[in-house]
Full PDB file with SEQRES, HELIX, SHEET, SSBOND, CRYST1, ORIGX, SCALE, CONECT and MASTER records, all heavy atoms in Angstrom:
SEQRES   1 A   37  HIS ARG THR PRO ASP ALA ALA ALA ALA PHE SER LYS ASN          
SEQRES   2 A   37  ALA LYS GLU ASN GLY PHE GLY ALA ILE ILE ALA ALA ALA          
SEQRES   3 A   37  GLY MET ALA ALA HIS LEU ALA GLY VAL LEU ALA                  
HELIX    1 AA1 PRO A    4  LYS A   12  1                                   9    
HELIX    2 AA2 LEU A   32  LEU A   36  1                                   5    
CRYST1    1.000    1.000    1.000  90.00  90.00  90.00 P 1           1          
ORIGX1      1.000000  0.000000  0.000000        0.00000                         
ORIGX2      0.000000  1.000000  0.000000        0.00000                         
ORIGX3      0.000000  0.000000  1.000000        0.00000                         
SCALE1      1.000000  0.000000  0.000000        0.00000                         
SCALE2      0.000000  1.000000  0.000000        0.00000                         
SCALE3      0.000000  0.000000  1.000000        0.00000                         
ATOM      1  N   HIS A   1     -53.918 166.513 -36.718  1.00  0.00           N  
ATOM      2  CA  HIS A   1     -55.338 166.301 -36.554  1.00  0.00           C  
ATOM      3  C   HIS A   1     -56.171 166.832 -37.840  1.00  0.00           C  
ATOM      4  O   HIS A   1     -57.088 166.074 -38.160  1.00  0.00           O  
ATOM      5  CB  HIS A   1     -55.877 167.061 -35.397  1.00  0.00           C  
ATOM      6  CG  HIS A   1     -55.220 166.528 -34.088  1.00  0.00           C  
ATOM      7  ND1 HIS A   1     -54.312 167.429 -33.409  1.00  0.00           N  
ATOM      8  CD2 HIS A   1     -55.194 165.461 -33.413  1.00  0.00           C  
ATOM      9  CE1 HIS A   1     -53.762 166.752 -32.488  1.00  0.00           C  
ATOM     10  NE2 HIS A   1     -54.347 165.503 -32.360  1.00  0.00           N  
ATOM     11  N   ARG A   2     -55.782 167.832 -38.346  1.00  0.00           N  
ATOM     12  CA  ARG A   2     -56.519 168.375 -39.553  1.00  0.00           C  
ATOM     13  C   ARG A   2     -55.980 167.996 -40.909  1.00  0.00           C  
ATOM     14  O   ARG A   2     -56.762 167.951 -41.866  1.00  0.00           O  
ATOM     15  CB  ARG A   2     -56.478 169.895 -39.472  1.00  0.00           C  
ATOM     16  CG  ARG A   2     -57.244 170.410 -38.214  1.00  0.00           C  
ATOM     17  CD  ARG A   2     -57.395 171.979 -38.147  1.00  0.00           C  
ATOM     18  NE  ARG A   2     -57.993 172.403 -36.868  1.00  0.00           N  
ATOM     19  CZ  ARG A   2     -57.338 172.747 -35.848  1.00  0.00           C  
ATOM     20  NH1 ARG A   2     -56.074 172.889 -35.899  1.00  0.00           N  
ATOM     21  NH2 ARG A   2     -57.949 173.202 -34.782  1.00  0.00           N  
ATOM     22  N   THR A   3     -54.692 167.656 -41.031  1.00  0.00           N  
ATOM     23  CA  THR A   3     -54.154 167.202 -42.227  1.00  0.00           C  
ATOM     24  C   THR A   3     -53.229 165.893 -41.974  1.00  0.00           C  
ATOM     25  O   THR A   3     -52.023 165.956 -42.355  1.00  0.00           O  
ATOM     26  CB  THR A   3     -53.230 168.264 -42.962  1.00  0.00           C  
ATOM     27  OG1 THR A   3     -52.164 168.725 -42.059  1.00  0.00           O  
ATOM     28  CG2 THR A   3     -54.129 169.472 -43.303  1.00  0.00           C  
ATOM     29  N   PRO A   4     -53.684 164.967 -41.406  1.00  0.00           N  
ATOM     30  CA  PRO A   4     -52.877 163.746 -41.018  1.00  0.00           C  
ATOM     31  C   PRO A   4     -52.351 163.148 -42.280  1.00  0.00           C  
ATOM     32  O   PRO A   4     -51.185 162.601 -42.178  1.00  0.00           O  
ATOM     33  CB  PRO A   4     -53.827 162.913 -40.181  1.00  0.00           C  
ATOM     34  CG  PRO A   4     -55.283 163.187 -40.629  1.00  0.00           C  
ATOM     35  CD  PRO A   4     -55.185 164.690 -40.924  1.00  0.00           C  
ATOM     36  N   ASP A   5     -52.998 163.023 -43.232  1.00  0.00           N  
ATOM     37  CA  ASP A   5     -52.494 162.376 -44.449  1.00  0.00           C  
ATOM     38  C   ASP A   5     -51.321 163.141 -45.140  1.00  0.00           C  
ATOM     39  O   ASP A   5     -50.309 162.553 -45.423  1.00  0.00           O  
ATOM     40  CB  ASP A   5     -53.556 162.163 -45.604  1.00  0.00           C  
ATOM     41  CG  ASP A   5     -54.645 161.246 -45.174  1.00  0.00           C  
ATOM     42  OD1 ASP A   5     -54.384 160.426 -44.234  1.00  0.00           O  
ATOM     43  OD2 ASP A   5     -55.760 161.308 -45.753  1.00  0.00           O  
ATOM     44  N   ALA A   6     -51.340 164.444 -45.117  1.00  0.00           N  
ATOM     45  CA  ALA A   6     -50.300 165.309 -45.644  1.00  0.00           C  
ATOM     46  C   ALA A   6     -49.101 165.171 -44.723  1.00  0.00           C  
ATOM     47  O   ALA A   6     -47.958 165.027 -45.174  1.00  0.00           O  
ATOM     48  CB  ALA A   6     -50.683 166.776 -45.674  1.00  0.00           C  
ATOM     49  N   ALA A   7     -49.287 165.137 -43.443  1.00  0.00           N  
ATOM     50  CA  ALA A   7     -48.162 164.955 -42.423  1.00  0.00           C  
ATOM     51  C   ALA A   7     -47.517 163.679 -42.609  1.00  0.00           C  
ATOM     52  O   ALA A   7     -46.340 163.538 -42.722  1.00  0.00           O  
ATOM     53  CB  ALA A   7     -48.636 165.208 -40.988  1.00  0.00           C  
ATOM     54  N   ALA A   8     -48.333 162.578 -42.713  1.00  0.00           N  
ATOM     55  CA  ALA A   8     -47.716 161.253 -42.860  1.00  0.00           C  
ATOM     56  C   ALA A   8     -47.012 161.155 -44.179  1.00  0.00           C  
ATOM     57  O   ALA A   8     -45.857 160.630 -44.217  1.00  0.00           O  
ATOM     58  CB  ALA A   8     -48.933 160.165 -42.887  1.00  0.00           C  
ATOM     59  N   ALA A   9     -47.522 161.691 -45.254  1.00  0.00           N  
ATOM     60  CA  ALA A   9     -46.762 161.633 -46.544  1.00  0.00           C  
ATOM     61  C   ALA A   9     -45.525 162.377 -46.506  1.00  0.00           C  
ATOM     62  O   ALA A   9     -44.454 161.920 -47.026  1.00  0.00           O  
ATOM     63  CB  ALA A   9     -47.731 162.149 -47.704  1.00  0.00           C  
ATOM     64  N   PHE A  10     -45.549 163.513 -45.908  1.00  0.00           N  
ATOM     65  CA  PHE A  10     -44.369 164.314 -45.814  1.00  0.00           C  
ATOM     66  C   PHE A  10     -43.257 163.610 -45.090  1.00  0.00           C  
ATOM     67  O   PHE A  10     -42.113 163.390 -45.512  1.00  0.00           O  
ATOM     68  CB  PHE A  10     -44.605 165.719 -45.122  1.00  0.00           C  
ATOM     69  CG  PHE A  10     -43.342 166.550 -45.066  1.00  0.00           C  
ATOM     70  CD1 PHE A  10     -42.968 167.417 -46.008  1.00  0.00           C  
ATOM     71  CD2 PHE A  10     -42.482 166.422 -43.995  1.00  0.00           C  
ATOM     72  CE1 PHE A  10     -41.786 168.193 -46.017  1.00  0.00           C  
ATOM     73  CE2 PHE A  10     -41.254 167.126 -43.908  1.00  0.00           C  
ATOM     74  CZ  PHE A  10     -41.034 168.073 -44.893  1.00  0.00           C  
ATOM     75  N   SER A  11     -43.697 162.947 -43.872  1.00  0.00           N  
ATOM     76  CA  SER A  11     -42.700 162.263 -43.096  1.00  0.00           C  
ATOM     77  C   SER A  11     -42.135 161.045 -43.799  1.00  0.00           C  
ATOM     78  O   SER A  11     -40.948 160.748 -43.710  1.00  0.00           O  
ATOM     79  CB  SER A  11     -43.333 161.941 -41.743  1.00  0.00           C  
ATOM     80  OG  SER A  11     -42.327 161.444 -40.856  1.00  0.00           O  
ATOM     81  N   LYS A  12     -43.039 160.244 -44.418  1.00  0.00           N  
ATOM     82  CA  LYS A  12     -42.634 158.973 -45.152  1.00  0.00           C  
ATOM     83  C   LYS A  12     -41.619 159.334 -46.205  1.00  0.00           C  
ATOM     84  O   LYS A  12     -40.716 158.504 -46.563  1.00  0.00           O  
ATOM     85  CB  LYS A  12     -43.855 158.403 -45.772  1.00  0.00           C  
ATOM     86  CG  LYS A  12     -44.740 157.640 -44.865  1.00  0.00           C  
ATOM     87  CD  LYS A  12     -45.964 157.023 -45.683  1.00  0.00           C  
ATOM     88  CE  LYS A  12     -46.982 156.442 -44.746  1.00  0.00           C  
ATOM     89  NZ  LYS A  12     -48.019 155.937 -45.499  1.00  0.00           N  
ATOM     90  N   ASN A  13     -41.754 160.470 -46.812  1.00  0.00           N  
ATOM     91  CA  ASN A  13     -40.772 160.854 -48.017  1.00  0.00           C  
ATOM     92  C   ASN A  13     -39.657 161.827 -47.590  1.00  0.00           C  
ATOM     93  O   ASN A  13     -38.924 162.158 -48.427  1.00  0.00           O  
ATOM     94  CB  ASN A  13     -41.672 161.436 -49.124  1.00  0.00           C  
ATOM     95  CG  ASN A  13     -42.682 160.438 -49.595  1.00  0.00           C  
ATOM     96  OD1 ASN A  13     -42.308 159.326 -49.945  1.00  0.00           O  
ATOM     97  ND2 ASN A  13     -43.943 160.774 -49.550  1.00  0.00           N  
ATOM     98  N   ALA A  14     -39.562 162.179 -46.391  1.00  0.00           N  
ATOM     99  CA  ALA A  14     -38.648 163.175 -45.920  1.00  0.00           C  
ATOM    100  C   ALA A  14     -37.182 162.820 -46.303  1.00  0.00           C  
ATOM    101  O   ALA A  14     -36.456 163.616 -46.808  1.00  0.00           O  
ATOM    102  CB  ALA A  14     -38.739 163.576 -44.477  1.00  0.00           C  
ATOM    103  N   LYS A  15     -36.787 161.603 -45.993  1.00  0.00           N  
ATOM    104  CA  LYS A  15     -35.432 161.237 -46.137  1.00  0.00           C  
ATOM    105  C   LYS A  15     -35.034 161.249 -47.670  1.00  0.00           C  
ATOM    106  O   LYS A  15     -34.133 161.773 -48.142  1.00  0.00           O  
ATOM    107  CB  LYS A  15     -35.172 159.824 -45.618  1.00  0.00           C  
ATOM    108  CG  LYS A  15     -33.722 159.375 -45.750  1.00  0.00           C  
ATOM    109  CD  LYS A  15     -33.549 158.029 -45.008  1.00  0.00           C  
ATOM    110  CE  LYS A  15     -32.016 157.683 -44.926  1.00  0.00           C  
ATOM    111  NZ  LYS A  15     -31.832 156.448 -44.273  1.00  0.00           N  
ATOM    112  N   GLU A  16     -35.972 160.675 -48.539  1.00  0.00           N  
ATOM    113  CA  GLU A  16     -35.720 160.698 -49.931  1.00  0.00           C  
ATOM    114  C   GLU A  16     -35.770 162.142 -50.498  1.00  0.00           C  
ATOM    115  O   GLU A  16     -35.212 162.370 -51.616  1.00  0.00           O  
ATOM    116  CB  GLU A  16     -36.897 159.845 -50.635  1.00  0.00           C  
ATOM    117  CG  GLU A  16     -36.828 158.357 -50.444  1.00  0.00           C  
ATOM    118  CD  GLU A  16     -37.314 157.959 -48.985  1.00  0.00           C  
ATOM    119  OE1 GLU A  16     -38.067 158.699 -48.411  1.00  0.00           O  
ATOM    120  OE2 GLU A  16     -36.916 156.922 -48.494  1.00  0.00           O  
ATOM    121  N   ASN A  17     -36.429 163.059 -49.907  1.00  0.00           N  
ATOM    122  CA  ASN A  17     -36.411 164.430 -50.298  1.00  0.00           C  
ATOM    123  C   ASN A  17     -35.373 165.297 -49.693  1.00  0.00           C  
ATOM    124  O   ASN A  17     -35.438 166.454 -49.856  1.00  0.00           O  
ATOM    125  CB  ASN A  17     -37.870 165.008 -49.979  1.00  0.00           C  
ATOM    126  CG  ASN A  17     -38.939 164.453 -50.782  1.00  0.00           C  
ATOM    127  OD1 ASN A  17     -38.750 164.097 -52.024  1.00  0.00           O  
ATOM    128  ND2 ASN A  17     -40.138 164.359 -50.246  1.00  0.00           N  
ATOM    129  N   GLY A  18     -34.303 164.640 -49.177  1.00  0.00           N  
ATOM    130  CA  GLY A  18     -33.005 165.374 -48.834  1.00  0.00           C  
ATOM    131  C   GLY A  18     -33.182 165.801 -47.387  1.00  0.00           C  
ATOM    132  O   GLY A  18     -32.150 166.643 -46.978  1.00  0.00           O  
ATOM    133  N   PHE A  19     -34.008 165.410 -46.556  1.00  0.00           N  
ATOM    134  CA  PHE A  19     -34.105 165.922 -45.165  1.00  0.00           C  
ATOM    135  C   PHE A  19     -33.159 164.987 -44.277  1.00  0.00           C  
ATOM    136  O   PHE A  19     -33.092 163.816 -44.576  1.00  0.00           O  
ATOM    137  CB  PHE A  19     -35.430 165.997 -44.556  1.00  0.00           C  
ATOM    138  CG  PHE A  19     -36.291 167.128 -45.293  1.00  0.00           C  
ATOM    139  CD1 PHE A  19     -37.067 166.786 -46.265  1.00  0.00           C  
ATOM    140  CD2 PHE A  19     -36.229 168.357 -44.840  1.00  0.00           C  
ATOM    141  CE1 PHE A  19     -37.778 167.773 -46.930  1.00  0.00           C  
ATOM    142  CE2 PHE A  19     -36.916 169.352 -45.446  1.00  0.00           C  
ATOM    143  CZ  PHE A  19     -37.757 169.075 -46.559  1.00  0.00           C  
ATOM    144  N   GLY A  20     -32.566 165.608 -43.234  1.00  0.00           N  
ATOM    145  CA  GLY A  20     -31.846 164.781 -42.304  1.00  0.00           C  
ATOM    146  C   GLY A  20     -32.297 164.801 -40.963  1.00  0.00           C  
ATOM    147  O   GLY A  20     -31.942 164.001 -40.065  1.00  0.00           O  
ATOM    148  N   ALA A  21     -33.340 165.680 -40.632  1.00  0.00           N  
ATOM    149  CA  ALA A  21     -33.877 165.817 -39.332  1.00  0.00           C  
ATOM    150  C   ALA A  21     -35.194 166.580 -39.548  1.00  0.00           C  
ATOM    151  O   ALA A  21     -35.379 167.376 -40.487  1.00  0.00           O  
ATOM    152  CB  ALA A  21     -33.034 166.500 -38.382  1.00  0.00           C  
ATOM    153  N   ILE A  22     -36.124 166.423 -38.506  1.00  0.00           N  
ATOM    154  CA  ILE A  22     -37.436 167.108 -38.560  1.00  0.00           C  
ATOM    155  C   ILE A  22     -37.557 167.830 -37.207  1.00  0.00           C  
ATOM    156  O   ILE A  22     -37.360 167.103 -36.160  1.00  0.00           O  
ATOM    157  CB  ILE A  22     -38.569 166.209 -38.774  1.00  0.00           C  
ATOM    158  CG1 ILE A  22     -38.490 165.525 -40.207  1.00  0.00           C  
ATOM    159  CG2 ILE A  22     -39.937 166.944 -38.643  1.00  0.00           C  
ATOM    160  CD1 ILE A  22     -39.460 164.352 -40.400  1.00  0.00           C  
ATOM    161  N   ILE A  23     -37.849 169.032 -37.263  1.00  0.00           N  
ATOM    162  CA  ILE A  23     -38.337 169.740 -35.967  1.00  0.00           C  
ATOM    163  C   ILE A  23     -39.829 169.915 -36.087  1.00  0.00           C  
ATOM    164  O   ILE A  23     -40.328 170.392 -37.108  1.00  0.00           O  
ATOM    165  CB  ILE A  23     -37.623 171.144 -35.881  1.00  0.00           C  
ATOM    166  CG1 ILE A  23     -36.201 171.076 -35.733  1.00  0.00           C  
ATOM    167  CG2 ILE A  23     -38.195 171.923 -34.610  1.00  0.00           C  
ATOM    168  CD1 ILE A  23     -35.405 172.313 -35.786  1.00  0.00           C  
ATOM    169  N   ALA A  24     -40.542 169.498 -35.122  1.00  0.00           N  
ATOM    170  CA  ALA A  24     -41.991 169.465 -35.117  1.00  0.00           C  
ATOM    171  C   ALA A  24     -42.493 170.294 -33.825  1.00  0.00           C  
ATOM    172  O   ALA A  24     -42.189 169.934 -32.733  1.00  0.00           O  
ATOM    173  CB  ALA A  24     -42.619 168.204 -35.014  1.00  0.00           C  
ATOM    174  N   ALA A  25     -43.318 171.439 -34.094  1.00  0.00           N  
ATOM    175  CA  ALA A  25     -43.703 172.322 -33.145  1.00  0.00           C  
ATOM    176  C   ALA A  25     -45.192 172.270 -33.083  1.00  0.00           C  
ATOM    177  O   ALA A  25     -45.927 172.319 -34.010  1.00  0.00           O  
ATOM    178  CB  ALA A  25     -43.241 173.690 -33.372  1.00  0.00           C  
ATOM    179  N   ALA A  26     -45.742 172.174 -31.888  1.00  0.00           N  
ATOM    180  CA  ALA A  26     -47.100 172.125 -31.670  1.00  0.00           C  
ATOM    181  C   ALA A  26     -47.467 172.498 -30.251  1.00  0.00           C  
ATOM    182  O   ALA A  26     -46.746 172.182 -29.314  1.00  0.00           O  
ATOM    183  CB  ALA A  26     -47.801 170.749 -32.026  1.00  0.00           C  
ATOM    184  N   GLY A  27     -48.745 173.078 -30.095  1.00  0.00           N  
ATOM    185  CA  GLY A  27     -49.121 173.364 -28.736  1.00  0.00           C  
ATOM    186  C   GLY A  27     -50.370 172.492 -28.448  1.00  0.00           C  
ATOM    187  O   GLY A  27     -50.751 171.578 -29.172  1.00  0.00           O  
ATOM    188  N   MET A  28     -50.893 172.697 -27.275  1.00  0.00           N  
ATOM    189  CA  MET A  28     -52.053 171.929 -26.730  1.00  0.00           C  
ATOM    190  C   MET A  28     -51.951 170.374 -26.833  1.00  0.00           C  
ATOM    191  O   MET A  28     -50.968 169.938 -26.183  1.00  0.00           O  
ATOM    192  CB  MET A  28     -53.304 172.442 -27.379  1.00  0.00           C  
ATOM    193  CG  MET A  28     -53.464 173.920 -27.211  1.00  0.00           C  
ATOM    194  SD  MET A  28     -54.903 174.866 -27.681  1.00  0.00           S  
ATOM    195  CE  MET A  28     -55.951 174.127 -28.655  1.00  0.00           C  
ATOM    196  N   ALA A  29     -52.589 169.742 -27.614  1.00  0.00           N  
ATOM    197  CA  ALA A  29     -52.556 168.285 -27.584  1.00  0.00           C  
ATOM    198  C   ALA A  29     -51.248 167.731 -28.182  1.00  0.00           C  
ATOM    199  O   ALA A  29     -50.666 166.673 -27.785  1.00  0.00           O  
ATOM    200  CB  ALA A  29     -53.681 167.636 -28.559  1.00  0.00           C  
ATOM    201  N   ALA A  30     -50.551 168.617 -29.132  1.00  0.00           N  
ATOM    202  CA  ALA A  30     -49.125 168.415 -29.488  1.00  0.00           C  
ATOM    203  C   ALA A  30     -48.808 166.932 -30.000  1.00  0.00           C  
ATOM    204  O   ALA A  30     -47.760 166.440 -29.642  1.00  0.00           O  
ATOM    205  CB  ALA A  30     -48.183 168.803 -28.384  1.00  0.00           C  
ATOM    206  N   HIS A  31     -49.617 166.381 -30.875  1.00  0.00           N  
ATOM    207  CA  HIS A  31     -49.285 165.076 -31.353  1.00  0.00           C  
ATOM    208  C   HIS A  31     -48.455 165.067 -32.634  1.00  0.00           C  
ATOM    209  O   HIS A  31     -48.080 164.121 -33.075  1.00  0.00           O  
ATOM    210  CB  HIS A  31     -50.623 164.314 -31.694  1.00  0.00           C  
ATOM    211  CG  HIS A  31     -51.440 164.087 -30.494  1.00  0.00           C  
ATOM    212  ND1 HIS A  31     -52.660 164.505 -30.254  1.00  0.00           N  
ATOM    213  CD2 HIS A  31     -51.131 163.405 -29.375  1.00  0.00           C  
ATOM    214  CE1 HIS A  31     -53.137 164.150 -29.064  1.00  0.00           C  
ATOM    215  NE2 HIS A  31     -52.204 163.464 -28.400  1.00  0.00           N  
ATOM    216  N   LEU A  32     -48.199 166.272 -33.170  1.00  0.00           N  
ATOM    217  CA  LEU A  32     -47.477 166.336 -34.434  1.00  0.00           C  
ATOM    218  C   LEU A  32     -46.082 165.620 -34.428  1.00  0.00           C  
ATOM    219  O   LEU A  32     -45.902 164.868 -35.365  1.00  0.00           O  
ATOM    220  CB  LEU A  32     -47.261 167.847 -34.892  1.00  0.00           C  
ATOM    221  CG  LEU A  32     -46.599 168.105 -36.235  1.00  0.00           C  
ATOM    222  CD1 LEU A  32     -47.451 167.482 -37.332  1.00  0.00           C  
ATOM    223  CD2 LEU A  32     -46.495 169.562 -36.480  1.00  0.00           C  
ATOM    224  N   ALA A  33     -45.293 165.916 -33.482  1.00  0.00           N  
ATOM    225  CA  ALA A  33     -43.990 165.239 -33.498  1.00  0.00           C  
ATOM    226  C   ALA A  33     -44.076 163.675 -33.394  1.00  0.00           C  
ATOM    227  O   ALA A  33     -43.446 163.058 -34.148  1.00  0.00           O  
ATOM    228  CB  ALA A  33     -43.034 165.747 -32.260  1.00  0.00           C  
ATOM    229  N   GLY A  34     -45.003 163.279 -32.667  1.00  0.00           N  
ATOM    230  CA  GLY A  34     -45.241 161.785 -32.616  1.00  0.00           C  
ATOM    231  C   GLY A  34     -45.690 161.173 -33.916  1.00  0.00           C  
ATOM    232  O   GLY A  34     -45.276 160.110 -34.332  1.00  0.00           O  
ATOM    233  N   VAL A  35     -46.622 161.940 -34.497  1.00  0.00           N  
ATOM    234  CA  VAL A  35     -47.170 161.433 -35.791  1.00  0.00           C  
ATOM    235  C   VAL A  35     -46.006 161.365 -36.813  1.00  0.00           C  
ATOM    236  O   VAL A  35     -45.899 160.407 -37.533  1.00  0.00           O  
ATOM    237  CB  VAL A  35     -48.292 162.280 -36.288  1.00  0.00           C  
ATOM    238  CG1 VAL A  35     -48.681 162.023 -37.771  1.00  0.00           C  
ATOM    239  CG2 VAL A  35     -49.658 162.019 -35.403  1.00  0.00           C  
ATOM    240  N   LEU A  36     -45.284 162.446 -36.943  1.00  0.00           N  
ATOM    241  CA  LEU A  36     -44.195 162.487 -37.829  1.00  0.00           C  
ATOM    242  C   LEU A  36     -43.167 161.422 -37.627  1.00  0.00           C  
ATOM    243  O   LEU A  36     -42.703 160.743 -38.560  1.00  0.00           O  
ATOM    244  CB  LEU A  36     -43.477 163.864 -37.888  1.00  0.00           C  
ATOM    245  CG  LEU A  36     -44.376 165.026 -38.395  1.00  0.00           C  
ATOM    246  CD1 LEU A  36     -43.701 166.361 -38.133  1.00  0.00           C  
ATOM    247  CD2 LEU A  36     -44.842 164.859 -39.878  1.00  0.00           C  
ATOM    248  N   ALA A  37     -42.788 161.164 -36.370  1.00  0.00           N  
ATOM    249  CA  ALA A  37     -41.872 160.167 -35.912  1.00  0.00           C  
ATOM    250  C   ALA A  37     -42.417 158.752 -36.253  1.00  0.00           C  
ATOM    251  O   ALA A  37     -41.492 157.858 -36.525  1.00  0.00           O  
ATOM    252  CB  ALA A  37     -41.636 160.266 -34.435  1.00  0.00           C  
TER     253      ALA A  37                                                      
MASTER        0    0    0    2    0    0    0    6  252    1    0    3          
END                                                                             
């Protein structure tokens, strides 16, 4: 909610940056995992 562009950019580039999986933790509204996915 506060840095959606940064979260989207990180996720879009995660594979190219050597990541094989993402763990996303959030409380309350908890939209982070869905946005990254």
